[in-house]
Amino acid sequence: MKFVKEIILEVTEDAIDGGYTASAIGYGIHTEADTLLELRENIREAVACYFDDSTDPVGPKSKSQELTAKSQ
């Protein structure tokens, strides 16, 4: 099994409709949510689905976590 050390995510906020989207750079991983907390959970789920594994191959550092911490 191949383990990924890091996945860089581009997180954007929709200024018109609200909500957030996240896309992994270099991977076909994309998700969206109404809040950053929901986005964080959706990212974990999307990563697990992409790698077809129930465990998260990525460490706890992700851009969404940094944004969540900054917004609190």
Foldseek 3Di string as FASTA:
>chain_A
DDFDADWAKDKDFDPPPGWIKIDTPPARFIDIDRDLVVVVVSSQVSQCVRVVHPDRSYDPDYVSVVVVVVVD
